[in-house]
Amino acid sequence: MDQAAADEPAAVPARRRGRRPAAQVRGEVLTAAAELLLEHGMAAFTFERVAARSGASRTTLHKWWPSRGALALEAYFDTVRDTLAFPDSGDIGADLTEQLRAFVRLMTGGPAGRVLVEIIGAMQSDPDLATAYRERYSGPRRALAVEALERARGRGRLRADVDAEAVVDQLWGACYHRLLIPDRPVDEEFATTLVAQLMTGLRPGPGDHGPRWDGAGGPVAG
């Protein structure tokens, strides 16, 4: 991002003002916030700029979001939610591969990866953003992955002793590591290799007669 972008207001006409339903205003604010965030990053992201672009007042923005970081996070997640939908084909290896490759494409194919790194950096000094990140982004994303792994375990597709939370950390943690510390590239080949190697240890073997698990993570009797 150049310094001019940080110093000058975004050259986008404000959306038409007037009395609008709250849901419409909120949607327009999130759209404007996402546009600003992806175009210029966190350094140029302010309530003033979002208000100017969306046509909403700063008072409205402060009422709905406790900090610029919280607004940025919600706008970001609103933009990427559909891209990161978790599939359920019945083949957990294929589903993990598809989801992780989609995540990598999003992180490397445009500004979303840079923005996520900036949001993670801003979290270190913004408690409201850190809370919003856990509640609205990382928490729900983790829950989807854990649920998928537990469904597969209940179907007998994974070993009965698999720790779903640890698997999520092993897969996505490796991608975040390369995203934040770019010693090595994070790409779709890397994502595919991660899942393939991990699945070798997760699948039940011929002699695995341990208990089966239901979708809620509990053992099935009998």
Foldseek 3Di string as FASTA:
>chain_A
DDVVLQVDADPAAADDADDDDPVVLLVLLLVLLLVSCQVPNDSNQDLVNSCRRHVHDSVVVCVVAVGSLLSNVVSLCVVCVVLQDQDPPVQLLVRQLSNLQSVLCQLPVGSSVVRVLRSVVVCVPDVSNVVSCCVPPPVVSLVNQLLNVLQCQLVLFWALPDDSSVLCCQQVVVLVCCSNVVPDDRHSVVNNVSSVVVSVRTGDDPPRPDFGAHSVSHGDDD
